[in-house]
Amino acid sequence: MPKDRLSGIESEFKRALSDIIRNDMKDPRVSVMTSVTRVDISRDLKYAKAYISVFDNEKMKKSTIETLTHAEHYIKNEIGARIRIRRLPEITFLLDSSIEYSNKISEILKKV
């Protein structure tokens, strides 16, 4: 699959996933401060890694990732209704702490 087509699919997938988490997931175990930072889809469209950033305490971070993993089937169905691709990949949700890391570095730099 051409790289630009795959990046377009990843972009649409990320947009749909963000919308589902923000507007459709009403589970209190999912933090309201959750965002999708990146989606990587394999070239054969079988697997997707969704990098999720949660700006909350450690307990809510773990709870959010566990809840999203448990709701993968629901999320896949919703994504399938929103974007047209031949095969819906299996989604793995990974906690992305890069935003918090960059905030910590910024705070250190401000002190210097």
PDB file of N, CA and C in Angstrom:
ATOM      1  N   MET A   1       0.850  -1.174   0.000  1.00  0.00           N
ATOM      2  CA  MET A   1       0.000   0.000   0.000  1.00  0.00           C
ATOM      3  C   MET A   1       0.897   1.238   0.000  1.00  0.00           C
ATOM      4  N   PRO A   2       0.598   2.213  -0.831  1.00  0.00           N
ATOM      5  CA  PRO A   2       1.396   3.450  -0.853  1.00  0.00           C
ATOM      6  C   PRO A   2       1.370   4.143   0.503  1.00  0.00           C
ATOM      7  N   LYS A   3       2.515   4.728   0.843  1.00  0.00           N
ATOM      8  CA  LYS A   3       2.681   5.347   2.155  1.00  0.00           C
ATOM      9  C   LYS A   3       1.707   6.511   2.377  1.00  0.00           C
ATOM     10  N   ASP A   4       1.456   7.315   1.330  1.00  0.00           N
ATOM     11  CA  ASP A   4       0.549   8.454   1.498  1.00  0.00           C
ATOM     12  C   ASP A   4      -0.893   7.998   1.711  1.00  0.00           C
ATOM     13  N   ARG A   5      -1.293   6.874   1.105  1.00  0.00           N
ATOM     14  CA  ARG A   5      -2.638   6.354   1.324  1.00  0.00           C
ATOM     15  C   ARG A   5      -2.773   5.838   2.754  1.00  0.00           C
ATOM     16  N   LEU A   6      -1.734   5.150   3.233  1.00  0.00           N
ATOM     17  CA  LEU A   6      -1.754   4.643   4.598  1.00  0.00           C
ATOM     18  C   LEU A   6      -1.805   5.790   5.609  1.00  0.00           C
ATOM     19  N   SER A   7      -1.067   6.854   5.361  1.00  0.00           N
ATOM     20  CA  SER A   7      -1.102   7.990   6.289  1.00  0.00           C
ATOM     21  C   SER A   7      -2.473   8.669   6.267  1.00  0.00           C
ATOM     22  N   GLY A   8      -3.139   8.667   5.123  1.00  0.00           N
ATOM     23  CA  GLY A   8      -4.501   9.202   5.056  1.00  0.00           C
ATOM     24  C   GLY A   8      -5.477   8.362   5.857  1.00  0.00           C
ATOM     25  N   ILE A   9      -5.328   7.041   5.767  1.00  0.00           N
ATOM     26  CA  ILE A   9      -6.180   6.141   6.545  1.00  0.00           C
ATOM     27  C   ILE A   9      -5.918   6.336   8.034  1.00  0.00           C
ATOM     28  N   GLU A  10      -4.643   6.459   8.413  1.00  0.00           N
ATOM     29  CA  GLU A  10      -4.305   6.687   9.817  1.00  0.00           C
ATOM     30  C   GLU A  10      -4.913   7.986  10.328  1.00  0.00           C
ATOM     31  N   SER A  11      -4.887   9.013   9.507  1.00  0.00           N
ATOM     32  CA  SER A  11      -5.447  10.305   9.893  1.00  0.00           C
ATOM     33  C   SER A  11      -6.962  10.209  10.104  1.00  0.00           C
ATOM     34  N   GLU A  12      -7.656   9.559   9.176  1.00  0.00           N
ATOM     35  CA  GLU A  12      -9.108   9.384   9.315  1.00  0.00           C
ATOM     36  C   GLU A  12      -9.446   8.518  10.523  1.00  0.00           C
ATOM     37  N   PHE A  13      -8.660   7.477  10.730  1.00  0.00           N
ATOM     38  CA  PHE A  13      -8.852   6.581  11.864  1.00  0.00           C
ATOM     39  C   PHE A  13      -8.688   7.356  13.171  1.00  0.00           C
ATOM     40  N   LYS A  14      -7.648   8.180  13.244  1.00  0.00           N
ATOM     41  CA  LYS A  14      -7.398   8.983  14.443  1.00  0.00           C
ATOM     42  C   LYS A  14      -8.542   9.953  14.700  1.00  0.00           C
ATOM     43  N   ARG A  15      -9.016  10.613  13.641  1.00  0.00           N
ATOM     44  CA  ARG A  15     -10.116  11.560  13.788  1.00  0.00           C
ATOM     45  C   ARG A  15     -11.373  10.855  14.298  1.00  0.00           C
ATOM     46  N   ALA A  16     -11.697   9.700  13.709  1.00  0.00           N
ATOM     47  CA  ALA A  16     -12.891   8.958  14.125  1.00  0.00           C
ATOM     48  C   ALA A  16     -12.753   8.453  15.558  1.00  0.00           C
ATOM     49  N   LEU A  17     -11.584   7.931  15.899  1.00  0.00           N
ATOM     50  CA  LEU A  17     -11.353   7.425  17.252  1.00  0.00           C
ATOM     51  C   LEU A  17     -11.457   8.548  18.279  1.00  0.00           C
ATOM     52  N   SER A  18     -10.887   9.696  17.984  1.00  0.00           N
ATOM     53  CA  SER A  18     -10.974  10.841  18.891  1.00  0.00           C
ATOM     54  C   SER A  18     -12.425  11.252  19.105  1.00  0.00           C
ATOM     55  N   ASP A  19     -13.189  11.289  18.032  1.00  0.00           N
ATOM     56  CA  ASP A  19     -14.599  11.663  18.119  1.00  0.00           C
ATOM     57  C   ASP A  19     -15.387  10.659  18.958  1.00  0.00           C
ATOM     58  N   ILE A  20     -15.114   9.381  18.778  1.00  0.00           N
ATOM     59  CA  ILE A  20     -15.818   8.348  19.543  1.00  0.00           C
ATOM     60  C   ILE A  20     -15.498   8.469  21.029  1.00  0.00           C
ATOM     61  N   ILE A  21     -14.224   8.634  21.356  1.00  0.00           N
ATOM     62  CA  ILE A  21     -13.836   8.745  22.768  1.00  0.00           C
ATOM     63  C   ILE A  21     -14.418  10.005  23.393  1.00  0.00           C
ATOM     64  N   ARG A  22     -14.377  11.105  22.664  1.00  0.00           N
ATOM     65  CA  ARG A  22     -14.839  12.386  23.204  1.00  0.00           C
ATOM     66  C   ARG A  22     -16.362  12.464  23.315  1.00  0.00           C
ATOM     67  N   ASN A  23     -17.091  11.969  22.316  1.00  0.00           N
ATOM     68  CA  ASN A  23     -18.535  12.193  22.270  1.00  0.00           C
ATOM     69  C   ASN A  23     -19.402  10.976  22.568  1.00  0.00           C
ATOM     70  N   ASP A  24     -18.916   9.770  22.281  1.00  0.00           N
ATOM     71  CA  ASP A  24     -19.776   8.599  22.409  1.00  0.00           C
ATOM     72  C   ASP A  24     -19.514   7.759  23.651  1.00  0.00           C
ATOM     73  N   MET A  25     -18.307   7.791  24.157  1.00  0.00           N
ATOM     74  CA  MET A  25     -17.968   6.994  25.340  1.00  0.00           C
ATOM     75  C   MET A  25     -18.456   7.741  26.582  1.00  0.00           C
ATOM     76  N   LYS A  26     -19.445   7.209  27.230  1.00  0.00           N
ATOM     77  CA  LYS A  26     -20.009   7.854  28.419  1.00  0.00           C
ATOM     78  C   LYS A  26     -19.562   7.163  29.703  1.00  0.00           C
ATOM     79  N   ASP A  27     -18.584   6.290  29.600  1.00  0.00           N
ATOM     80  CA  ASP A  27     -18.106   5.530  30.744  1.00  0.00           C
ATOM     81  C   ASP A  27     -17.317   6.431  31.690  1.00  0.00           C
ATOM     82  N   PRO A  28     -17.650   6.453  32.976  1.00  0.00           N
ATOM     83  CA  PRO A  28     -16.922   7.312  33.925  1.00  0.00           C
ATOM     84  C   PRO A  28     -15.488   6.854  34.169  1.00  0.00           C
ATOM     85  N   ARG A  29     -15.139   5.645  33.727  1.00  0.00           N
ATOM     86  CA  ARG A  29     -13.770   5.157  33.889  1.00  0.00           C
ATOM     87  C   ARG A  29     -12.831   5.734  32.837  1.00  0.00           C
ATOM     88  N   VAL A  30     -13.397   6.422  31.840  1.00  0.00           N
ATOM     89  CA  VAL A  30     -12.584   7.086  30.818  1.00  0.00           C
ATOM     90  C   VAL A  30     -12.459   8.552  31.203  1.00  0.00           C
ATOM     91  N   SER A  31     -11.240   9.003  31.362  1.00  0.00           N
ATOM     92  CA  SER A  31     -10.987  10.379  31.772  1.00  0.00           C
ATOM     93  C   SER A  31     -11.478  11.363  30.706  1.00  0.00           C
ATOM     94  N   VAL A  32     -11.998  12.492  31.144  1.00  0.00           N
ATOM     95  CA  VAL A  32     -12.420  13.529  30.205  1.00  0.00           C
ATOM     96  C   VAL A  32     -11.222  14.218  29.571  1.00  0.00           C
ATOM     97  N   MET A  33     -10.055  14.042  30.171  1.00  0.00           N
ATOM     98  CA  MET A  33      -8.822  14.628  29.652  1.00  0.00           C
ATOM     99  C   MET A  33      -8.049  13.606  28.810  1.00  0.00           C
ATOM    100  N   THR A  34      -8.755  12.910  27.933  1.00  0.00           N
ATOM    101  CA  THR A  34      -8.165  11.882  27.083  1.00  0.00           C
ATOM    102  C   THR A  34      -8.084  12.384  25.656  1.00  0.00           C
ATOM    103  N   SER A  35      -6.948  12.146  25.018  1.00  0.00           N
ATOM    104  CA  SER A  35      -6.822  12.501  23.602  1.00  0.00           C
ATOM    105  C   SER A  35      -6.000  11.442  22.887  1.00  0.00           C
ATOM    106  N   VAL A  36      -6.251  11.313  21.599  1.00  0.00           N
ATOM    107  CA  VAL A  36      -5.508  10.386  20.753  1.00  0.00           C
ATOM    108  C   VAL A  36      -4.360  11.180  20.141  1.00  0.00           C
ATOM    109  N   THR A  37      -3.134  10.795  20.443  1.00  0.00           N
ATOM    110  CA  THR A  37      -1.989  11.551  19.939  1.00  0.00           C
ATOM    111  C   THR A  37      -1.493  11.021  18.607  1.00  0.00           C
ATOM    112  N   ARG A  38      -1.622   9.707  18.390  1.00  0.00           N
ATOM    113  CA  ARG A  38      -1.122   9.134  17.144  1.00  0.00           C
ATOM    114  C   ARG A  38      -1.751   7.768  16.921  1.00  0.00           C
ATOM    115  N   VAL A  39      -1.903   7.391  15.662  1.00  0.00           N
ATOM    116  CA  VAL A  39      -2.362   6.058  15.293  1.00  0.00           C
ATOM    117  C   VAL A  39      -1.403   5.516  14.247  1.00  0.00           C
ATOM    118  N   ASP A  40      -0.886   4.327  14.498  1.00  0.00           N
ATOM    119  CA  ASP A  40      -0.031   3.637  13.532  1.00  0.00           C
ATOM    120  C   ASP A  40      -0.757   2.379  13.080  1.00  0.00           C
ATOM    121  N   ILE A  41      -0.956   2.243  11.777  1.00  0.00           N
ATOM    122  CA  ILE A  41      -1.636   1.080  11.219  1.00  0.00           C
ATOM    123  C   ILE A  41      -0.632   0.306  10.374  1.00  0.00           C
ATOM    124  N   SER A  42      -0.656  -1.021  10.517  1.00  0.00           N
ATOM    125  CA  SER A  42       0.255  -1.848   9.733  1.00  0.00           C
ATOM    126  C   SER A  42      -0.116  -1.758   8.250  1.00  0.00           C
ATOM    127  N   ARG A  43       0.846  -2.055   7.390  1.00  0.00           N
ATOM    128  CA  ARG A  43       0.644  -1.920   5.945  1.00  0.00           C
ATOM    129  C   ARG A  43      -0.458  -2.844   5.419  1.00  0.00           C
ATOM    130  N   ASP A  44      -0.665  -3.974   6.083  1.00  0.00           N
ATOM    131  CA  ASP A  44      -1.722  -4.899   5.644  1.00  0.00           C
ATOM    132  C   ASP A  44      -3.075  -4.605   6.285  1.00  0.00           C
ATOM    133  N   LEU A  45      -3.168  -3.526   7.057  1.00  0.00           N
ATOM    134  CA  LEU A  45      -4.391  -3.058   7.728  1.00  0.00           C
ATOM    135  C   LEU A  45      -4.957  -4.059   8.735  1.00  0.00           C
ATOM    136  N   LYS A  46      -4.098  -4.928   9.289  1.00  0.00           N
ATOM    137  CA  LYS A  46      -4.585  -5.895  10.271  1.00  0.00           C
ATOM    138  C   LYS A  46      -4.487  -5.378  11.701  1.00  0.00           C
ATOM    139  N   TYR A  47      -3.505  -4.520  11.955  1.00  0.00           N
ATOM    140  CA  TYR A  47      -3.257  -4.069  13.320  1.00  0.00           C
ATOM    141  C   TYR A  47      -3.105  -2.556  13.376  1.00  0.00           C
ATOM    142  N   ALA A  48      -3.616  -1.985  14.469  1.00  0.00           N
ATOM    143  CA  ALA A  48      -3.476  -0.547  14.691  1.00  0.00           C
ATOM    144  C   ALA A  48      -3.033  -0.327  16.128  1.00  0.00           C
ATOM    145  N   LYS A  49      -2.095   0.589  16.297  1.00  0.00           N
ATOM    146  CA  LYS A  49      -1.681   1.014  17.625  1.00  0.00           C
ATOM    147  C   LYS A  49      -2.189   2.434  17.819  1.00  0.00           C
ATOM    148  N   ALA A  50      -3.022   2.613  18.825  1.00  0.00           N
ATOM    149  CA  ALA A  50      -3.557   3.938  19.133  1.00  0.00           C
ATOM    150  C   ALA A  50      -2.858   4.446  20.384  1.00  0.00           C
ATOM    151  N   TYR A  51      -2.143   5.551  20.238  1.00  0.00           N
ATOM    152  CA  TYR A  51      -1.429   6.151  21.356  1.00  0.00           C
ATOM    153  C   TYR A  51      -2.356   7.155  22.027  1.00  0.00           C
ATOM    154  N   ILE A  52      -2.662   6.893  23.292  1.00  0.00           N
ATOM    155  CA  ILE A  52      -3.643   7.670  24.042  1.00  0.00           C
ATOM    156  C   ILE A  52      -2.935   8.458  25.138  1.00  0.00           C
ATOM    157  N   SER A  53      -3.194   9.750  25.186  1.00  0.00           N
ATOM    158  CA  SER A  53      -2.650  10.609  26.226  1.00  0.00           C
ATOM    159  C   SER A  53      -3.768  10.931  27.211  1.00  0.00           C
ATOM    160  N   VAL A  54      -3.487  10.696  28.486  1.00  0.00           N
ATOM    161  CA  VAL A  54      -4.463  10.963  29.545  1.00  0.00           C
ATOM    162  C   VAL A  54      -3.815  11.917  30.534  1.00  0.00           C
ATOM    163  N   PHE A  55      -4.378  13.114  30.647  1.00  0.00           N
ATOM    164  CA  PHE A  55      -3.838  14.116  31.566  1.00  0.00           C
ATOM    165  C   PHE A  55      -4.631  14.050  32.863  1.00  0.00           C
ATOM    166  N   ASP A  56      -4.285  13.045  33.674  1.00  0.00           N
ATOM    167  CA  ASP A  56      -4.999  12.795  34.921  1.00  0.00           C
ATOM    168  C   ASP A  56      -4.063  12.014  35.847  1.00  0.00           C
ATOM    169  N   ASN A  57      -4.573  11.552  36.965  1.00  0.00           N
ATOM    170  CA  ASN A  57      -3.737  10.778  37.888  1.00  0.00           C
ATOM    171  C   ASN A  57      -3.487   9.367  37.337  1.00  0.00           C
ATOM    172  N   GLU A  58      -2.561   8.661  37.979  1.00  0.00           N
ATOM    173  CA  GLU A  58      -2.144   7.332  37.496  1.00  0.00           C
ATOM    174  C   GLU A  58      -3.296   6.333  37.477  1.00  0.00           C
ATOM    175  N   LYS A  59      -4.159   6.408  38.465  1.00  0.00           N
ATOM    176  CA  LYS A  59      -5.293   5.485  38.535  1.00  0.00           C
ATOM    177  C   LYS A  59      -6.231   5.687  37.341  1.00  0.00           C
ATOM    178  N   MET A  60      -6.508   6.943  36.993  1.00  0.00           N
ATOM    179  CA  MET A  60      -7.381   7.225  35.847  1.00  0.00           C
ATOM    180  C   MET A  60      -6.712   6.850  34.528  1.00  0.00           C
ATOM    181  N   LYS A  61      -5.405   7.017  34.434  1.00  0.00           N
ATOM    182  CA  LYS A  61      -4.695   6.615  33.224  1.00  0.00           C
ATOM    183  C   LYS A  61      -4.872   5.125  32.968  1.00  0.00           C
ATOM    184  N   LYS A  62      -4.628   4.343  34.017  1.00  0.00           N
ATOM    185  CA  LYS A  62      -4.762   2.889  33.894  1.00  0.00           C
ATOM    186  C   LYS A  62      -6.206   2.507  33.589  1.00  0.00           C
ATOM    187  N   SER A  63      -7.133   3.126  34.272  1.00  0.00           N
ATOM    188  CA  SER A  63      -8.552   2.844  34.073  1.00  0.00           C
ATOM    189  C   SER A  63      -8.996   3.178  32.650  1.00  0.00           C
ATOM    190  N   THR A  64      -8.516   4.292  32.122  1.00  0.00           N
ATOM    191  CA  THR A  64      -8.891   4.707  30.769  1.00  0.00           C
ATOM    192  C   THR A  64      -8.395   3.703  29.737  1.00  0.00           C
ATOM    193  N   ILE A  65      -7.142   3.292  29.833  1.00  0.00           N
ATOM    194  CA  ILE A  65      -6.590   2.336  28.875  1.00  0.00           C
ATOM    195  C   ILE A  65      -7.304   0.992  28.981  1.00  0.00           C
ATOM    196  N   GLU A  66      -7.568   0.529  30.199  1.00  0.00           N
ATOM    197  CA  GLU A  66      -8.274  -0.742  30.389  1.00  0.00           C
ATOM    198  C   GLU A  66      -9.683  -0.683  29.817  1.00  0.00           C
ATOM    199  N   THR A  67     -10.376   0.414  30.031  1.00  0.00           N
ATOM    200  CA  THR A  67     -11.743   0.557  29.537  1.00  0.00           C
ATOM    201  C   THR A  67     -11.771   0.604  28.014  1.00  0.00           C
ATOM    202  N   LEU A  68     -10.843   1.345  27.415  1.00  0.00           N
ATOM    203  CA  LEU A  68     -10.786   1.404  25.954  1.00  0.00           C
ATOM    204  C   LEU A  68     -10.458   0.038  25.369  1.00  0.00           C
ATOM    205  N   THR A  69      -9.560  -0.685  26.002  1.00  0.00           N
ATOM    206  CA  THR A  69      -9.219  -2.034  25.539  1.00  0.00           C
ATOM    207  C   THR A  69     -10.434  -2.950  25.624  1.00  0.00           C
ATOM    208  N   HIS A  70     -11.158  -2.840  26.718  1.00  0.00           N
ATOM    209  CA  HIS A  70     -12.360  -3.665  26.895  1.00  0.00           C
ATOM    210  C   HIS A  70     -13.447  -3.303  25.867  1.00  0.00           C
ATOM    211  N   ALA A  71     -13.503  -2.049  25.474  1.00  0.00           N
ATOM    212  CA  ALA A  71     -14.534  -1.574  24.541  1.00  0.00           C
ATOM    213  C   ALA A  71     -14.059  -1.608  23.079  1.00  0.00           C
ATOM    214  N   GLU A  72     -12.992  -2.349  22.796  1.00  0.00           N
ATOM    215  CA  GLU A  72     -12.432  -2.357  21.438  1.00  0.00           C
ATOM    216  C   GLU A  72     -13.465  -2.765  20.386  1.00  0.00           C
ATOM    217  N   HIS A  73     -14.275  -3.766  20.671  1.00  0.00           N
ATOM    218  CA  HIS A  73     -15.268  -4.222  19.693  1.00  0.00           C
ATOM    219  C   HIS A  73     -16.261  -3.111  19.352  1.00  0.00           C
ATOM    220  N   TYR A  74     -16.753  -2.430  20.376  1.00  0.00           N
ATOM    221  CA  TYR A  74     -17.671  -1.307  20.166  1.00  0.00           C
ATOM    222  C   TYR A  74     -16.992  -0.204  19.346  1.00  0.00           C
ATOM    223  N   ILE A  75     -15.753   0.117  19.706  1.00  0.00           N
ATOM    224  CA  ILE A  75     -15.023   1.184  19.018  1.00  0.00           C
ATOM    225  C   ILE A  75     -14.786   0.808  17.557  1.00  0.00           C
ATOM    226  N   LYS A  76     -14.415  -0.454  17.296  1.00  0.00           N
ATOM    227  CA  LYS A  76     -14.206  -0.899  15.914  1.00  0.00           C
ATOM    228  C   LYS A  76     -15.488  -0.765  15.092  1.00  0.00           C
ATOM    229  N   ASN A  77     -16.613  -1.147  15.677  1.00  0.00           N
ATOM    230  CA  ASN A  77     -17.896  -1.025  14.960  1.00  0.00           C
ATOM    231  C   ASN A  77     -18.219   0.427  14.643  1.00  0.00           C
ATOM    232  N   GLU A  78     -17.967   1.306  15.599  1.00  0.00           N
ATOM    233  CA  GLU A  78     -18.226   2.731  15.376  1.00  0.00           C
ATOM    234  C   GLU A  78     -17.307   3.304  14.301  1.00  0.00           C
ATOM    235  N   ILE A  79     -16.047   2.923  14.326  1.00  0.00           N
ATOM    236  CA  ILE A  79     -15.113   3.398  13.305  1.00  0.00           C
ATOM    237  C   ILE A  79     -15.533   2.875  11.933  1.00  0.00           C
ATOM    238  N   GLY A  80     -15.953   1.612  11.882  1.00  0.00           N
ATOM    239  CA  GLY A  80     -16.416   1.026  10.623  1.00  0.00           C
ATOM    240  C   GLY A  80     -17.616   1.752  10.042  1.00  0.00           C
ATOM    241  N   ALA A  81     -18.442   2.320  10.898  1.00  0.00           N
ATOM    242  CA  ALA A  81     -19.604   3.075  10.426  1.00  0.00           C
ATOM    243  C   ALA A  81     -19.210   4.466   9.934  1.00  0.00           C
ATOM    244  N   ARG A  82     -18.054   4.961  10.362  1.00  0.00           N
ATOM    245  CA  ARG A  82     -17.652   6.328  10.029  1.00  0.00           C
ATOM    246  C   ARG A  82     -16.671   6.424   8.867  1.00  0.00           C
ATOM    247  N   ILE A  83     -15.810   5.428   8.716  1.00  0.00           N
ATOM    248  CA  ILE A  83     -14.865   5.468   7.598  1.00  0.00           C
ATOM    249  C   ILE A  83     -15.004   4.187   6.777  1.00  0.00           C
ATOM    250  N   ARG A  84     -14.734   4.306   5.505  1.00  0.00           N
ATOM    251  CA  ARG A  84     -14.897   3.186   4.589  1.00  0.00           C
ATOM    252  C   ARG A  84     -13.534   2.579   4.270  1.00  0.00           C
ATOM    253  N   ILE A  85     -13.216   1.477   4.944  1.00  0.00           N
ATOM    254  CA  ILE A  85     -12.033   0.719   4.592  1.00  0.00           C
ATOM    255  C   ILE A  85     -12.417  -0.755   4.539  1.00  0.00           C
ATOM    256  N   ARG A  86     -11.679  -1.486   3.763  1.00  0.00           N
ATOM    257  CA  ARG A  86     -12.010  -2.889   3.528  1.00  0.00           C
ATOM    258  C   ARG A  86     -11.910  -3.726   4.799  1.00  0.00           C
ATOM    259  N   ARG A  87     -10.887  -3.499   5.566  1.00  0.00           N
ATOM    260  CA  ARG A  87     -10.648  -4.306   6.758  1.00  0.00           C
ATOM    261  C   ARG A  87     -10.421  -3.387   7.949  1.00  0.00           C
ATOM    262  N   LEU A  88     -11.119  -3.674   9.033  1.00  0.00           N
ATOM    263  CA  LEU A  88     -10.904  -2.906  10.261  1.00  0.00           C
ATOM    264  C   LEU A  88      -9.820  -3.586  11.082  1.00  0.00           C
ATOM    265  N   PRO A  89      -8.777  -2.865  11.433  1.00  0.00           N
ATOM    266  CA  PRO A  89      -7.670  -3.484  12.163  1.00  0.00           C
ATOM    267  C   PRO A  89      -8.007  -3.748  13.631  1.00  0.00           C
ATOM    268  N   GLU A  90      -7.295  -4.705  14.210  1.00  0.00           N
ATOM    269  CA  GLU A  90      -7.349  -4.932  15.649  1.00  0.00           C
ATOM    270  C   GLU A  90      -6.639  -3.747  16.303  1.00  0.00           C
ATOM    271  N   ILE A  91      -7.248  -3.177  17.330  1.00  0.00           N
ATOM    272  CA  ILE A  91      -6.703  -1.965  17.941  1.00  0.00           C
ATOM    273  C   ILE A  91      -6.029  -2.299  19.264  1.00  0.00           C
ATOM    274  N   THR A  92      -4.819  -1.816  19.420  1.00  0.00           N
ATOM    275  CA  THR A  92      -4.102  -1.897  20.687  1.00  0.00           C
ATOM    276  C   THR A  92      -3.974  -0.472  21.220  1.00  0.00           C
ATOM    277  N   PHE A  93      -4.440  -0.267  22.435  1.00  0.00           N
ATOM    278  CA  PHE A  93      -4.376   1.050  23.050  1.00  0.00           C
ATOM    279  C   PHE A  93      -3.136   1.137  23.935  1.00  0.00           C
ATOM    280  N   LEU A  94      -2.304   2.150  23.679  1.00  0.00           N
ATOM    281  CA  LEU A  94      -1.066   2.339  24.424  1.00  0.00           C
ATOM    282  C   LEU A  94      -1.067   3.725  25.067  1.00  0.00           C
ATOM    283  N   LEU A  95      -0.609   3.773  26.301  1.00  0.00           N
ATOM    284  CA  LEU A  95      -0.537   5.053  27.006  1.00  0.00           C
ATOM    285  C   LEU A  95       0.634   5.858  26.473  1.00  0.00           C
ATOM    286  N   ASP A  96       0.374   7.089  26.075  1.00  0.00           N
ATOM    287  CA  ASP A  96       1.406   7.982  25.549  1.00  0.00           C
ATOM    288  C   ASP A  96       1.650   9.083  26.572  1.00  0.00           C
ATOM    289  N   SER A  97       2.840   9.106  27.105  1.00  0.00           N
ATOM    290  CA  SER A  97       3.166  10.104  28.134  1.00  0.00           C
ATOM    291  C   SER A  97       4.058  11.209  27.576  1.00  0.00           C
ATOM    292  N   SER A  98       4.142  11.351  26.279  1.00  0.00           N
ATOM    293  CA  SER A  98       5.044  12.339  25.678  1.00  0.00           C
ATOM    294  C   SER A  98       4.629  13.780  25.998  1.00  0.00           C
ATOM    295  N   ILE A  99       3.350  14.051  26.090  1.00  0.00           N
ATOM    296  CA  ILE A  99       2.887  15.406  26.400  1.00  0.00           C
ATOM    297  C   ILE A  99       3.286  15.783  27.829  1.00  0.00           C
ATOM    298  N   GLU A 100       3.091  14.858  28.762  1.00  0.00           N
ATOM    299  CA  GLU A 100       3.487  15.122  30.150  1.00  0.00           C
ATOM    300  C   GLU A 100       5.000  15.294  30.254  1.00  0.00           C
ATOM    301  N   TYR A 101       5.728  14.489  29.502  1.00  0.00           N
ATOM    302  CA  TYR A 101       7.185  14.587  29.509  1.00  0.00           C
ATOM    303  C   TYR A 101       7.633  15.951  28.996  1.00  0.00           C
ATOM    304  N   SER A 102       7.016  16.421  27.928  1.00  0.00           N
ATOM    305  CA  SER A 102       7.388  17.732  27.387  1.00  0.00           C
ATOM    306  C   SER A 102       7.008  18.860  28.349  1.00  0.00           C
ATOM    307  N   ASN A 103       5.893  18.714  29.051  1.00  0.00           N
ATOM    308  CA  ASN A 103       5.519  19.705  30.067  1.00  0.00           C
ATOM    309  C   ASN A 103       6.537  19.732  31.199  1.00  0.00           C
ATOM    310  N   LYS A 104       7.000  18.565  31.611  1.00  0.00           N
ATOM    311  CA  LYS A 104       8.000  18.487  32.677  1.00  0.00           C
ATOM    312  C   LYS A 104       9.304  19.145  32.237  1.00  0.00           C
ATOM    313  N   ILE A 105       9.724  18.913  31.005  1.00  0.00           N
ATOM    314  CA  ILE A 105      10.943  19.528  30.473  1.00  0.00           C
ATOM    315  C   ILE A 105      10.775  21.046  30.402  1.00  0.00           C
ATOM    316  N   SER A 106       9.600  21.511  29.982  1.00  0.00           N
ATOM    317  CA  SER A 106       9.343  22.956  29.924  1.00  0.00           C
ATOM    318  C   SER A 106       9.444  23.598  31.296  1.00  0.00           C
ATOM    319  N   GLU A 107       8.903  22.918  32.305  1.00  0.00           N
ATOM    320  CA  GLU A 107       8.984  23.447  33.664  1.00  0.00           C
ATOM    321  C   GLU A 107      10.435  23.516  34.144  1.00  0.00           C
ATOM    322  N   ILE A 108      11.210  22.509  33.823  1.00  0.00           N
ATOM    323  CA  ILE A 108      12.627  22.523  34.208  1.00  0.00           C
ATOM    324  C   ILE A 108      13.357  23.665  33.506  1.00  0.00           C
ATOM    325  N   LEU A 109      13.069  23.867  32.240  1.00  0.00           N
ATOM    326  CA  LEU A 109      13.715  24.936  31.493  1.00  0.00           C
ATOM    327  C   LEU A 109      13.316  26.318  31.999  1.00  0.00           C
ATOM    328  N   LYS A 110      12.087  26.457  32.457  1.00  0.00           N
ATOM    329  CA  LYS A 110      11.645  27.735  33.018  1.00  0.00           C
ATOM    330  C   LYS A 110      12.399  28.069  34.310  1.00  0.00           C
ATOM    331  N   LYS A 111      12.730  27.037  35.081  1.00  0.00           N
ATOM    332  CA  LYS A 111      13.454  27.235  36.325  1.00  0.00           C
ATOM    333  C   LYS A 111      14.900  27.636  36.102  1.00  0.00           C
ATOM    334  N   VAL A 112      15.438  27.223  34.951  1.00  0.00           N
ATOM    335  CA  VAL A 112      16.839  27.526  34.642  1.00  0.00           C
ATOM    336  C   VAL A 112      16.945  28.882  34.086  1.00  0.00           C
TER     337      VAL A 112
END
